[in-house]
N, C-alpha and C. Protein backbone atom coordinates (compact mmCIF):
# COMPACT_ATOMS: atom_id res chain seq x y z
N UNK A 1 124.62 125.69 151.23
CA UNK A 1 125.56 126.75 150.85
C UNK A 1 125.26 127.25 149.45
N UNK A 2 125.02 126.30 148.53
CA UNK A 2 124.73 126.66 147.15
C UNK A 2 123.47 127.54 147.07
N UNK A 3 122.44 127.10 147.83
CA UNK A 3 121.19 127.84 147.83
C UNK A 3 121.40 129.26 148.36
N UNK A 4 122.22 129.41 149.40
CA UNK A 4 122.50 130.71 150.00
C UNK A 4 123.21 131.62 149.02
N UNK A 5 124.21 131.08 148.31
CA UNK A 5 124.95 131.87 147.31
C UNK A 5 124.03 132.29 146.18
N UNK A 6 123.18 131.37 145.72
CA UNK A 6 122.25 131.67 144.62
C UNK A 6 121.29 132.77 145.03
N UNK A 7 120.78 132.68 146.25
CA UNK A 7 119.83 133.69 146.74
C UNK A 7 120.48 135.05 146.82
N UNK A 8 121.72 135.07 147.32
CA UNK A 8 122.46 136.34 147.42
C UNK A 8 122.68 136.95 146.05
N UNK A 9 123.02 136.11 145.07
CA UNK A 9 123.24 136.64 143.71
C UNK A 9 121.95 137.22 143.13
N UNK A 10 120.85 136.54 143.39
CA UNK A 10 119.55 137.01 142.88
C UNK A 10 119.22 138.37 143.49
N UNK A 11 119.44 138.48 144.83
CA UNK A 11 119.15 139.73 145.52
C UNK A 11 120.02 140.87 145.00
N UNK A 12 121.30 140.57 144.77
CA UNK A 12 122.22 141.58 144.23
C UNK A 12 121.79 142.01 142.84
N UNK A 13 121.37 141.06 142.03
CA UNK A 13 120.94 141.36 140.66
C UNK A 13 119.69 142.24 140.68
N UNK A 14 118.75 141.92 141.58
CA UNK A 14 117.54 142.72 141.67
C UNK A 14 117.86 144.13 142.14
N UNK A 15 118.77 144.24 143.10
CA UNK A 15 119.16 145.57 143.61
C UNK A 15 119.80 146.39 142.50
N UNK A 16 120.68 145.75 141.72
CA UNK A 16 121.34 146.46 140.61
C UNK A 16 120.32 146.89 139.57
N UNK A 17 119.38 146.03 139.27
CA UNK A 17 118.34 146.38 138.29
C UNK A 17 117.51 147.55 138.76
N UNK A 18 117.13 147.54 140.03
CA UNK A 18 116.36 148.63 140.61
C UNK A 18 117.10 149.95 140.54
N UNK A 19 118.40 149.91 140.85
CA UNK A 19 119.22 151.11 140.80
C UNK A 19 119.31 151.66 139.39
N UNK A 20 119.49 150.77 138.41
CA UNK A 20 119.58 151.21 137.03
C UNK A 20 118.26 151.82 136.58
N UNK A 21 117.15 151.20 137.02
CA UNK A 21 115.84 151.74 136.65
C UNK A 21 115.63 153.13 137.20
N UNK A 22 115.98 153.32 138.49
CA UNK A 22 115.82 154.63 139.10
C UNK A 22 116.71 155.66 138.42
N UNK A 23 117.93 155.28 138.07
CA UNK A 23 118.85 156.19 137.39
C UNK A 23 118.29 156.58 136.04
N UNK A 24 117.78 155.59 135.31
CA UNK A 24 117.24 155.87 133.97
C UNK A 24 116.01 156.77 134.08
N UNK A 25 115.16 156.52 135.08
CA UNK A 25 113.98 157.34 135.26
C UNK A 25 114.34 158.79 135.54
N UNK A 26 115.31 158.98 136.44
CA UNK A 26 115.75 160.34 136.76
C UNK A 26 116.33 161.03 135.55
N UNK A 27 117.05 160.28 134.71
CA UNK A 27 117.67 160.87 133.52
C UNK A 27 116.63 161.22 132.46
N UNK A 28 115.48 160.57 132.51
CA UNK A 28 114.44 160.79 131.49
C UNK A 28 113.45 161.87 131.88
N UNK A 29 113.62 162.51 133.03
CA UNK A 29 112.70 163.54 133.48
C UNK A 29 113.42 164.85 133.74
N UNK A 30 112.64 165.92 133.71
CA UNK A 30 113.15 167.26 134.05
C UNK A 30 112.38 167.73 135.28
N UNK A 31 113.10 168.19 136.27
CA UNK A 31 112.47 168.61 137.53
C UNK A 31 112.43 170.12 137.63
N UNK A 32 111.25 170.65 137.93
CA UNK A 32 111.06 172.08 138.18
C UNK A 32 110.75 172.25 139.66
N UNK A 33 111.55 173.07 140.33
CA UNK A 33 111.37 173.31 141.77
C UNK A 33 110.63 174.63 142.01
N UNK A 34 109.99 174.71 143.16
CA UNK A 34 109.18 175.89 143.50
C UNK A 34 110.01 177.14 143.63
N UNK A 35 109.38 178.25 143.27
CA UNK A 35 109.92 179.57 143.46
C UNK A 35 108.84 180.41 144.18
N UNK A 36 109.16 181.59 144.68
CA UNK A 36 108.13 182.42 145.35
C UNK A 36 106.88 182.57 144.47
N UNK A 37 105.73 182.29 145.05
CA UNK A 37 104.50 182.20 144.28
C UNK A 37 103.35 182.89 145.02
N UNK A 38 102.13 182.70 144.54
CA UNK A 38 100.96 183.31 145.15
C UNK A 38 99.87 182.27 145.33
N UNK A 39 99.26 182.25 146.50
CA UNK A 39 98.10 181.39 146.75
C UNK A 39 97.06 182.20 147.50
N UNK A 40 95.79 181.94 147.19
CA UNK A 40 94.71 182.76 147.72
C UNK A 40 93.52 181.88 148.07
N UNK A 41 92.98 182.09 149.26
CA UNK A 41 91.74 181.43 149.65
C UNK A 41 90.70 182.52 149.88
N UNK A 42 89.61 182.49 149.12
CA UNK A 42 88.59 183.54 149.20
C UNK A 42 87.27 182.93 149.67
N UNK A 43 86.58 183.65 150.55
CA UNK A 43 85.31 183.15 151.05
C UNK A 43 84.36 184.27 151.39
N UNK A 44 83.27 183.91 152.01
CA UNK A 44 82.25 184.88 152.39
C UNK A 44 81.94 184.74 153.89
N UNK A 45 81.21 185.69 154.40
CA UNK A 45 80.72 185.60 155.78
C UNK A 45 79.40 186.38 155.84
N UNK A 46 78.75 186.31 157.00
CA UNK A 46 77.48 187.03 157.16
C UNK A 46 77.73 188.53 157.26
N UNK A 47 78.99 188.96 157.37
CA UNK A 47 79.31 190.39 157.44
C UNK A 47 79.89 190.91 156.13
N UNK A 48 80.94 190.23 155.63
CA UNK A 48 81.59 190.69 154.40
C UNK A 48 82.45 189.55 153.87
N UNK A 49 82.87 189.71 152.62
CA UNK A 49 83.77 188.72 152.02
C UNK A 49 85.14 188.82 152.66
N UNK A 50 85.91 187.76 152.53
CA UNK A 50 87.24 187.73 153.10
C UNK A 50 88.22 186.99 152.19
N UNK A 51 89.50 187.23 152.42
CA UNK A 51 90.55 186.61 151.61
C UNK A 51 91.72 186.28 152.54
N UNK A 52 92.37 185.14 152.26
CA UNK A 52 93.64 184.83 152.91
C UNK A 52 94.68 184.64 151.82
N UNK A 53 95.79 185.36 151.95
CA UNK A 53 96.86 185.33 150.92
C UNK A 53 98.12 184.71 151.47
N UNK A 54 98.84 184.04 150.62
CA UNK A 54 100.15 183.46 150.97
C UNK A 54 101.11 183.57 149.80
N UNK A 55 102.39 183.49 150.09
CA UNK A 55 103.41 183.56 149.05
C UNK A 55 104.36 182.38 149.10
N UNK A 56 103.97 181.34 149.84
CA UNK A 56 104.81 180.16 149.94
C UNK A 56 104.09 178.94 149.39
N UNK A 57 104.58 178.44 148.30
CA UNK A 57 104.12 177.16 147.72
C UNK A 57 105.37 176.31 147.52
N UNK A 58 105.49 175.24 148.31
CA UNK A 58 106.65 174.38 148.18
C UNK A 58 106.34 173.20 147.26
N UNK A 59 107.39 172.44 146.95
CA UNK A 59 107.20 171.24 146.15
C UNK A 59 107.92 171.29 144.83
N UNK A 60 107.48 170.44 143.91
CA UNK A 60 108.16 170.33 142.62
C UNK A 60 107.22 169.74 141.57
N UNK A 61 107.63 169.88 140.32
CA UNK A 61 106.95 169.25 139.19
C UNK A 61 108.00 168.57 138.32
N UNK A 62 107.78 167.30 138.00
CA UNK A 62 108.66 166.57 137.10
C UNK A 62 107.87 166.17 135.86
N UNK A 63 108.50 166.38 134.70
CA UNK A 63 107.87 166.01 133.43
C UNK A 63 108.88 165.23 132.59
N UNK A 64 108.42 164.40 131.65
CA UNK A 64 109.35 163.71 130.78
C UNK A 64 110.28 164.70 130.04
N UNK A 65 111.49 164.25 129.79
CA UNK A 65 112.52 165.12 129.21
C UNK A 65 112.12 165.59 127.81
N UNK A 66 111.29 164.82 127.11
CA UNK A 66 110.92 165.19 125.74
C UNK A 66 109.74 166.16 125.65
N UNK A 67 109.21 166.56 126.81
CA UNK A 67 108.09 167.51 126.82
C UNK A 67 108.64 168.92 126.55
N UNK A 68 108.00 169.61 125.59
CA UNK A 68 108.40 170.98 125.24
C UNK A 68 107.21 171.90 125.41
N UNK A 69 107.30 172.83 126.33
CA UNK A 69 106.19 173.79 126.53
C UNK A 69 106.34 174.91 125.51
N UNK A 70 106.21 174.52 124.24
CA UNK A 70 106.32 175.45 123.13
C UNK A 70 104.92 175.95 122.79
N UNK A 71 104.59 177.17 123.21
CA UNK A 71 103.24 177.68 123.07
C UNK A 71 102.89 178.01 121.64
N UNK A 72 103.84 177.94 120.70
CA UNK A 72 103.52 178.18 119.30
C UNK A 72 102.88 176.96 118.65
N UNK A 73 102.95 175.80 119.33
CA UNK A 73 102.40 174.56 118.78
C UNK A 73 100.90 174.45 119.08
N UNK A 74 100.20 173.64 118.28
CA UNK A 74 98.77 173.41 118.50
C UNK A 74 98.51 172.20 119.40
N UNK A 75 99.58 171.54 119.82
CA UNK A 75 99.47 170.46 120.80
C UNK A 75 100.75 170.48 121.62
N UNK A 76 100.77 169.75 122.73
CA UNK A 76 101.93 169.76 123.62
C UNK A 76 102.92 168.68 123.22
N UNK A 77 104.07 169.03 122.66
CA UNK A 77 105.06 168.02 122.30
C UNK A 77 105.50 167.22 123.52
N UNK A 78 105.43 165.91 123.42
CA UNK A 78 105.83 165.02 124.50
C UNK A 78 104.70 164.45 125.30
N UNK A 79 103.49 165.00 125.13
CA UNK A 79 102.32 164.43 125.79
C UNK A 79 101.92 163.15 125.08
N UNK A 80 101.41 162.17 125.83
CA UNK A 80 101.05 160.87 125.26
C UNK A 80 99.59 160.57 125.50
N UNK A 81 98.86 160.27 124.43
CA UNK A 81 97.46 159.93 124.56
C UNK A 81 96.63 161.02 125.20
N UNK A 82 97.02 162.27 124.94
CA UNK A 82 96.26 163.39 125.51
C UNK A 82 96.55 163.67 126.97
N UNK A 83 97.56 163.01 127.54
CA UNK A 83 97.89 163.21 128.94
C UNK A 83 99.37 163.56 129.09
N UNK A 84 99.66 164.38 130.09
CA UNK A 84 101.03 164.72 130.43
C UNK A 84 101.46 163.89 131.64
N UNK A 85 102.47 163.07 131.47
CA UNK A 85 102.93 162.18 132.55
C UNK A 85 103.77 162.99 133.54
N UNK A 86 103.10 163.81 134.35
CA UNK A 86 103.80 164.69 135.29
C UNK A 86 103.71 164.12 136.70
N UNK A 87 104.77 164.36 137.46
CA UNK A 87 104.77 164.04 138.90
C UNK A 87 104.80 165.37 139.65
N UNK A 88 103.74 165.65 140.39
CA UNK A 88 103.63 166.94 141.06
C UNK A 88 103.32 166.71 142.54
N UNK A 89 104.11 167.37 143.38
CA UNK A 89 103.87 167.38 144.83
C UNK A 89 103.90 168.83 145.29
N UNK A 90 102.86 169.26 145.99
CA UNK A 90 102.75 170.65 146.44
C UNK A 90 102.50 170.71 147.94
N UNK A 91 103.14 171.67 148.62
CA UNK A 91 102.91 171.89 150.04
C UNK A 91 102.74 173.37 150.30
N UNK A 92 101.79 173.71 151.19
CA UNK A 92 101.55 175.09 151.58
C UNK A 92 101.42 175.14 153.12
N UNK A 93 102.29 175.86 153.83
CA UNK A 93 102.15 175.99 155.29
C UNK A 93 100.89 176.76 155.63
N UNK A 94 100.06 176.22 156.50
CA UNK A 94 98.83 176.88 156.88
C UNK A 94 99.10 178.25 157.49
N UNK A 95 100.12 178.35 158.34
CA UNK A 95 100.40 179.61 159.05
C UNK A 95 101.04 180.66 158.14
N UNK A 96 101.34 180.31 156.87
CA UNK A 96 101.88 181.31 155.94
C UNK A 96 100.78 182.14 155.30
N UNK A 97 99.49 181.77 155.55
CA UNK A 97 98.36 182.47 154.97
C UNK A 97 97.92 183.60 155.91
N UNK A 98 97.75 184.81 155.35
CA UNK A 98 97.35 185.96 156.14
C UNK A 98 95.99 186.47 155.70
N UNK A 99 95.13 186.78 156.70
CA UNK A 99 93.78 187.22 156.42
C UNK A 99 93.68 188.68 156.01
N UNK A 100 92.58 189.01 155.33
CA UNK A 100 92.38 190.37 154.81
C UNK A 100 91.85 191.34 155.87
N UNK A 101 91.41 190.83 157.03
CA UNK A 101 90.98 191.75 158.07
C UNK A 101 91.57 191.33 159.42
N UNK A 102 91.67 192.30 160.28
CA UNK A 102 92.36 192.11 161.59
C UNK A 102 91.69 191.02 162.41
N UNK A 103 92.51 190.15 162.97
CA UNK A 103 92.01 189.12 163.86
C UNK A 103 91.51 187.87 163.16
N UNK A 104 91.70 187.79 161.85
CA UNK A 104 91.18 186.66 161.10
C UNK A 104 92.09 185.45 161.13
N UNK A 105 93.41 185.67 161.22
CA UNK A 105 94.39 184.60 161.11
C UNK A 105 94.18 183.51 162.15
N UNK A 106 94.07 183.90 163.41
CA UNK A 106 93.98 182.91 164.49
C UNK A 106 92.71 182.03 164.38
N UNK A 107 91.52 182.63 164.15
CA UNK A 107 90.34 181.76 164.03
C UNK A 107 90.43 180.79 162.86
N UNK A 108 91.01 181.22 161.74
CA UNK A 108 91.12 180.35 160.58
C UNK A 108 92.13 179.23 160.85
N UNK A 109 93.26 179.59 161.48
CA UNK A 109 94.27 178.56 161.79
C UNK A 109 93.75 177.57 162.81
N UNK A 110 92.95 178.06 163.78
CA UNK A 110 92.35 177.16 164.75
C UNK A 110 91.36 176.23 164.08
N UNK A 111 90.56 176.77 163.16
CA UNK A 111 89.55 175.95 162.46
C UNK A 111 90.23 174.86 161.62
N UNK A 112 91.39 175.19 161.07
CA UNK A 112 92.14 174.23 160.25
C UNK A 112 93.07 173.37 161.08
N UNK A 113 93.08 173.59 162.40
CA UNK A 113 93.92 172.84 163.33
C UNK A 113 95.37 172.82 162.86
N UNK A 114 95.91 174.03 162.69
CA UNK A 114 97.26 174.18 162.16
C UNK A 114 98.33 173.54 163.02
N UNK A 115 98.07 173.40 164.32
CA UNK A 115 99.09 172.80 165.19
C UNK A 115 99.29 171.33 164.88
N UNK A 116 98.19 170.60 164.63
CA UNK A 116 98.31 169.18 164.34
C UNK A 116 98.44 168.90 162.84
N UNK A 117 97.91 169.80 162.02
CA UNK A 117 97.97 169.62 160.57
C UNK A 117 98.48 170.91 159.93
N UNK A 118 99.80 171.16 160.05
CA UNK A 118 100.36 172.45 159.65
C UNK A 118 100.49 172.66 158.14
N UNK A 119 100.25 171.63 157.35
CA UNK A 119 100.55 171.73 155.93
C UNK A 119 99.38 171.28 155.06
N UNK A 120 99.10 172.10 154.04
CA UNK A 120 98.16 171.71 152.99
C UNK A 120 98.99 170.99 151.91
N UNK A 121 98.55 169.83 151.47
CA UNK A 121 99.29 169.04 150.49
C UNK A 121 98.43 168.69 149.28
N UNK A 122 99.10 168.66 148.14
CA UNK A 122 98.43 168.23 146.91
C UNK A 122 99.34 167.25 146.16
N UNK A 123 98.77 166.11 145.79
CA UNK A 123 99.50 165.09 145.02
C UNK A 123 98.75 164.86 143.72
N UNK A 124 99.40 165.12 142.60
CA UNK A 124 98.76 164.98 141.29
C UNK A 124 98.57 163.50 140.94
N UNK A 125 97.37 163.17 140.46
CA UNK A 125 97.08 161.82 140.00
C UNK A 125 97.05 161.74 138.48
N UNK A 126 96.55 162.79 137.85
CA UNK A 126 96.39 162.76 136.37
C UNK A 126 96.32 164.17 135.83
N UNK A 127 96.95 164.39 134.67
CA UNK A 127 96.93 165.71 134.03
C UNK A 127 96.57 165.50 132.56
N UNK A 128 95.33 165.92 132.21
CA UNK A 128 94.81 165.69 130.86
C UNK A 128 94.86 167.00 130.06
N UNK A 129 95.44 166.93 128.86
CA UNK A 129 95.54 168.10 128.00
C UNK A 129 94.18 168.47 127.40
N UNK A 130 93.92 169.76 127.33
CA UNK A 130 92.74 170.24 126.61
C UNK A 130 93.21 170.62 125.20
N UNK A 131 92.69 169.95 124.19
CA UNK A 131 93.12 170.18 122.83
C UNK A 131 91.95 170.48 121.93
N UNK A 132 92.15 171.19 120.82
CA UNK A 132 93.45 171.69 120.36
C UNK A 132 93.91 172.90 121.18
N UNK A 133 95.22 173.05 121.26
CA UNK A 133 95.80 174.19 121.95
C UNK A 133 95.83 175.40 121.05
N UNK A 134 95.38 176.54 121.57
CA UNK A 134 95.41 177.79 120.81
C UNK A 134 96.84 178.33 120.81
N UNK A 135 97.47 178.31 119.65
CA UNK A 135 98.87 178.72 119.53
C UNK A 135 99.06 180.12 120.11
N UNK A 136 100.12 180.28 120.90
CA UNK A 136 100.44 181.58 121.51
C UNK A 136 99.83 181.78 122.88
N UNK A 137 99.04 180.82 123.35
CA UNK A 137 98.40 180.92 124.68
C UNK A 137 98.94 179.84 125.60
N UNK A 138 98.70 179.95 126.93
CA UNK A 138 99.13 178.91 127.84
C UNK A 138 98.46 177.58 127.52
N UNK A 139 99.14 176.48 127.86
CA UNK A 139 98.55 175.16 127.70
C UNK A 139 97.51 174.94 128.78
N UNK A 140 96.38 174.35 128.41
CA UNK A 140 95.27 174.15 129.33
C UNK A 140 95.13 172.65 129.67
N UNK A 141 94.82 172.38 130.96
CA UNK A 141 94.73 170.99 131.42
C UNK A 141 93.56 170.83 132.39
N UNK A 142 93.11 169.61 132.53
CA UNK A 142 92.24 169.20 133.65
C UNK A 142 93.11 168.39 134.59
N UNK A 143 93.22 168.84 135.82
CA UNK A 143 94.08 168.16 136.81
C UNK A 143 93.22 167.40 137.81
N UNK A 144 93.62 166.16 138.07
CA UNK A 144 92.98 165.34 139.09
C UNK A 144 94.03 165.01 140.14
N UNK A 145 93.70 165.24 141.40
CA UNK A 145 94.71 165.00 142.43
C UNK A 145 94.10 164.84 143.83
N UNK A 146 94.98 164.48 144.76
CA UNK A 146 94.58 164.31 146.16
C UNK A 146 94.96 165.56 146.94
N UNK A 147 93.96 166.22 147.52
CA UNK A 147 94.18 167.40 148.35
C UNK A 147 94.01 167.00 149.80
N UNK A 148 95.06 167.24 150.61
CA UNK A 148 95.04 166.87 152.03
C UNK A 148 95.03 168.15 152.86
N UNK A 149 94.03 168.25 153.72
CA UNK A 149 93.82 169.44 154.52
C UNK A 149 93.10 169.06 155.81
N UNK A 150 93.61 169.55 156.94
CA UNK A 150 92.96 169.28 158.22
C UNK A 150 92.89 167.78 158.51
N UNK A 151 93.90 167.04 158.01
CA UNK A 151 93.94 165.60 158.25
C UNK A 151 92.99 164.80 157.37
N UNK A 152 92.37 165.44 156.39
CA UNK A 152 91.42 164.77 155.50
C UNK A 152 91.95 164.87 154.07
N UNK A 153 91.89 163.78 153.33
CA UNK A 153 92.32 163.77 151.94
C UNK A 153 91.13 163.50 151.03
N UNK A 154 90.90 164.39 150.06
CA UNK A 154 89.85 164.21 149.07
C UNK A 154 90.44 164.31 147.68
N UNK A 155 89.86 163.58 146.74
CA UNK A 155 90.25 163.70 145.33
C UNK A 155 89.46 164.84 144.72
N UNK A 156 90.16 165.77 144.10
CA UNK A 156 89.51 166.94 143.49
C UNK A 156 89.89 167.03 142.01
N UNK A 157 89.08 167.76 141.27
CA UNK A 157 89.34 168.10 139.87
C UNK A 157 89.44 169.61 139.76
N UNK A 158 90.36 170.10 138.93
CA UNK A 158 90.41 171.53 138.71
C UNK A 158 91.13 171.83 137.39
N UNK A 159 90.71 172.90 136.72
CA UNK A 159 91.41 173.32 135.51
C UNK A 159 92.69 174.05 135.88
N UNK A 160 93.76 173.80 135.14
CA UNK A 160 95.02 174.50 135.36
C UNK A 160 95.61 174.88 134.00
N UNK A 161 96.43 175.89 134.00
CA UNK A 161 97.16 176.28 132.79
C UNK A 161 98.65 176.32 133.11
N UNK A 162 99.46 176.05 132.11
CA UNK A 162 100.91 176.13 132.23
C UNK A 162 101.45 176.99 131.10
N UNK A 163 102.19 178.04 131.48
CA UNK A 163 102.78 178.90 130.47
C UNK A 163 104.26 179.10 130.70
N UNK A 164 104.98 179.39 129.65
CA UNK A 164 106.41 179.58 129.72
C UNK A 164 106.72 181.01 130.14
N UNK A 165 107.52 181.16 131.19
CA UNK A 165 107.96 182.48 131.63
C UNK A 165 109.29 182.83 130.94
N UNK A 166 110.22 181.90 130.97
CA UNK A 166 111.46 182.02 130.22
C UNK A 166 111.96 180.63 129.92
N UNK A 167 113.22 180.49 129.48
CA UNK A 167 113.73 179.20 129.03
C UNK A 167 113.74 178.14 130.14
N UNK A 168 113.77 178.59 131.41
CA UNK A 168 113.86 177.64 132.52
C UNK A 168 112.74 177.73 133.51
N UNK A 169 111.76 178.62 133.30
CA UNK A 169 110.75 178.85 134.30
C UNK A 169 109.33 178.73 133.70
N UNK A 170 108.43 178.12 134.49
CA UNK A 170 107.04 177.99 134.10
C UNK A 170 106.14 178.59 135.17
N UNK A 171 104.95 179.00 134.72
CA UNK A 171 103.93 179.48 135.66
C UNK A 171 102.70 178.58 135.54
N UNK A 172 102.31 177.98 136.66
CA UNK A 172 101.15 177.11 136.71
C UNK A 172 100.04 177.86 137.44
N UNK A 173 98.89 177.99 136.80
CA UNK A 173 97.76 178.75 137.34
C UNK A 173 96.56 177.85 137.47
N UNK A 174 95.88 177.93 138.63
CA UNK A 174 94.70 177.10 138.84
C UNK A 174 93.72 177.76 139.79
N UNK A 175 92.47 177.27 139.77
CA UNK A 175 91.43 177.82 140.62
C UNK A 175 90.34 176.78 140.76
N UNK A 176 89.88 176.55 142.02
CA UNK A 176 88.84 175.55 142.24
C UNK A 176 88.02 175.89 143.48
N UNK A 177 86.71 175.63 143.43
CA UNK A 177 85.86 175.85 144.63
C UNK A 177 85.91 174.61 145.52
N UNK A 178 85.83 174.85 146.82
CA UNK A 178 85.82 173.77 147.81
C UNK A 178 84.83 174.10 148.92
N UNK A 179 84.48 173.08 149.70
CA UNK A 179 83.68 173.29 150.89
C UNK A 179 84.52 172.91 152.10
N UNK A 180 84.55 173.79 153.11
CA UNK A 180 85.33 173.50 154.31
C UNK A 180 84.85 172.22 154.99
N UNK A 181 83.53 172.01 155.01
CA UNK A 181 83.00 170.86 155.71
C UNK A 181 83.38 169.54 155.02
N UNK A 182 83.73 169.59 153.73
CA UNK A 182 84.22 168.37 153.05
C UNK A 182 85.52 167.89 153.65
N UNK A 183 86.24 168.80 154.32
CA UNK A 183 87.50 168.47 154.99
C UNK A 183 87.32 168.50 156.51
N UNK A 184 86.09 168.38 156.96
CA UNK A 184 85.73 168.36 158.39
C UNK A 184 86.19 169.62 159.11
N UNK A 185 86.19 170.75 158.40
CA UNK A 185 86.51 172.04 158.99
C UNK A 185 85.20 172.76 159.29
N UNK A 186 85.03 173.15 160.54
CA UNK A 186 83.86 173.92 160.93
C UNK A 186 84.08 175.39 160.58
N UNK A 187 83.29 175.98 159.68
CA UNK A 187 83.48 177.38 159.34
C UNK A 187 83.54 178.26 160.59
N UNK A 188 84.61 179.03 160.79
CA UNK A 188 84.79 179.77 162.04
C UNK A 188 83.79 180.90 162.23
N UNK A 189 83.57 181.20 163.49
CA UNK A 189 82.71 182.31 163.88
C UNK A 189 83.57 183.38 164.53
N UNK A 190 83.41 184.63 164.14
CA UNK A 190 84.21 185.73 164.67
C UNK A 190 83.51 186.35 165.87
N UNK A 191 84.03 186.09 167.07
CA UNK A 191 83.52 186.68 168.30
C UNK A 191 82.03 186.46 168.49
N UNK A 192 81.52 185.38 167.90
CA UNK A 192 80.11 185.09 168.05
C UNK A 192 79.21 186.04 167.29
N UNK A 193 79.80 186.95 166.49
CA UNK A 193 79.01 187.97 165.81
C UNK A 193 78.61 187.56 164.39
N UNK A 194 79.58 187.02 163.61
CA UNK A 194 79.25 186.58 162.28
C UNK A 194 80.01 185.29 161.94
N UNK A 195 79.45 184.55 161.02
CA UNK A 195 79.97 183.24 160.64
C UNK A 195 80.46 183.27 159.19
N UNK A 196 81.58 182.59 158.95
CA UNK A 196 82.07 182.47 157.59
C UNK A 196 81.26 181.42 156.84
N UNK A 197 81.18 181.57 155.51
CA UNK A 197 80.48 180.62 154.69
C UNK A 197 81.25 179.33 154.51
N UNK A 198 80.56 178.27 154.18
CA UNK A 198 81.19 176.96 153.98
C UNK A 198 82.02 176.92 152.70
N UNK A 199 81.56 177.56 151.66
CA UNK A 199 82.23 177.50 150.37
C UNK A 199 83.37 178.49 150.27
N UNK A 200 84.51 178.02 149.79
CA UNK A 200 85.68 178.86 149.56
C UNK A 200 86.21 178.55 148.15
N UNK A 201 87.06 179.46 147.65
CA UNK A 201 87.72 179.26 146.36
C UNK A 201 89.21 179.40 146.55
N UNK A 202 89.94 178.37 146.15
CA UNK A 202 91.40 178.41 146.20
C UNK A 202 91.93 178.73 144.81
N UNK A 203 92.79 179.72 144.72
CA UNK A 203 93.44 180.04 143.44
C UNK A 203 94.93 180.22 143.69
N UNK A 204 95.72 180.01 142.66
CA UNK A 204 97.17 180.10 142.84
C UNK A 204 97.87 180.42 141.53
N UNK A 205 99.05 181.03 141.68
CA UNK A 205 100.00 181.21 140.60
C UNK A 205 101.32 180.62 141.10
N UNK A 206 101.64 179.44 140.62
CA UNK A 206 102.81 178.70 141.10
C UNK A 206 103.94 178.79 140.11
N UNK A 207 105.03 179.43 140.53
CA UNK A 207 106.21 179.53 139.70
C UNK A 207 107.16 178.39 140.01
N UNK A 208 107.62 177.70 138.97
CA UNK A 208 108.58 176.60 139.13
C UNK A 208 109.69 176.81 138.12
N UNK A 209 110.88 176.39 138.50
CA UNK A 209 112.03 176.60 137.62
C UNK A 209 112.97 175.41 137.69
N UNK A 210 113.60 175.09 136.59
CA UNK A 210 114.62 174.07 136.57
C UNK A 210 116.00 174.71 136.66
N UNK A 211 117.00 173.98 137.11
CA UNK A 211 118.35 174.56 137.20
C UNK A 211 118.83 175.02 135.84
N UNK A 212 119.45 176.16 135.79
CA UNK A 212 120.00 176.65 134.55
C UNK A 212 121.20 175.83 134.13
N UNK A 213 121.41 175.73 132.84
CA UNK A 213 122.55 174.97 132.35
C UNK A 213 123.84 175.62 132.87
N UNK A 214 124.77 174.81 133.35
CA UNK A 214 126.03 175.38 133.85
C UNK A 214 126.79 176.11 132.75
N UNK A 215 127.43 177.17 133.14
CA UNK A 215 128.20 177.96 132.17
C UNK A 215 129.45 177.20 131.75
N UNK A 216 129.67 177.04 130.43
CA UNK A 216 130.87 176.31 129.99
C UNK A 216 132.14 176.99 130.47
N UNK A 217 133.09 176.16 130.88
CA UNK A 217 134.35 176.68 131.36
C UNK A 217 135.29 177.02 130.17
């Protein structure tokens, strides 16, 4: 009986500690949620270049509460050891992307197997500041993360910038080249006439915003 009571007390103490830790962590971070944004996939083919555009980027970005995106500074206040301790999760619905020429959407969605893998996902692993920061310009970073596409996850590197739009909104901009075959995607062929190239470039302008402070009563 004594052992059972002691074990129960230990479990309760651990649960309470975990809850306090989670609460403290949430209180020490600021969360920016997605707003209508722009994403672009550009490529080539044996006939002409092509583009797929989308306006849906889901997800969020969390940063420590003491981080200040003050572009007048020569470094990022709140960054530690040249890195920004950010938690970023991004989702893009494959079917939200529209092609630049007629009949392109279906072949691209089929090639990406949108039925079984409907979402492109990105999970940030590391965000390194590029310093010194040029005062008055967006903050520049090297981002390392896991990109999941077509059921395949690869670690990628890409440069990104973060700039202040207003007191509660940020714009995150990035661009990186990829190969479709790295994600086991077979470059689609249009009606057997021409083939798309393996290399594509993904670029985006991701708007994120935190809740505005409630109006005092």
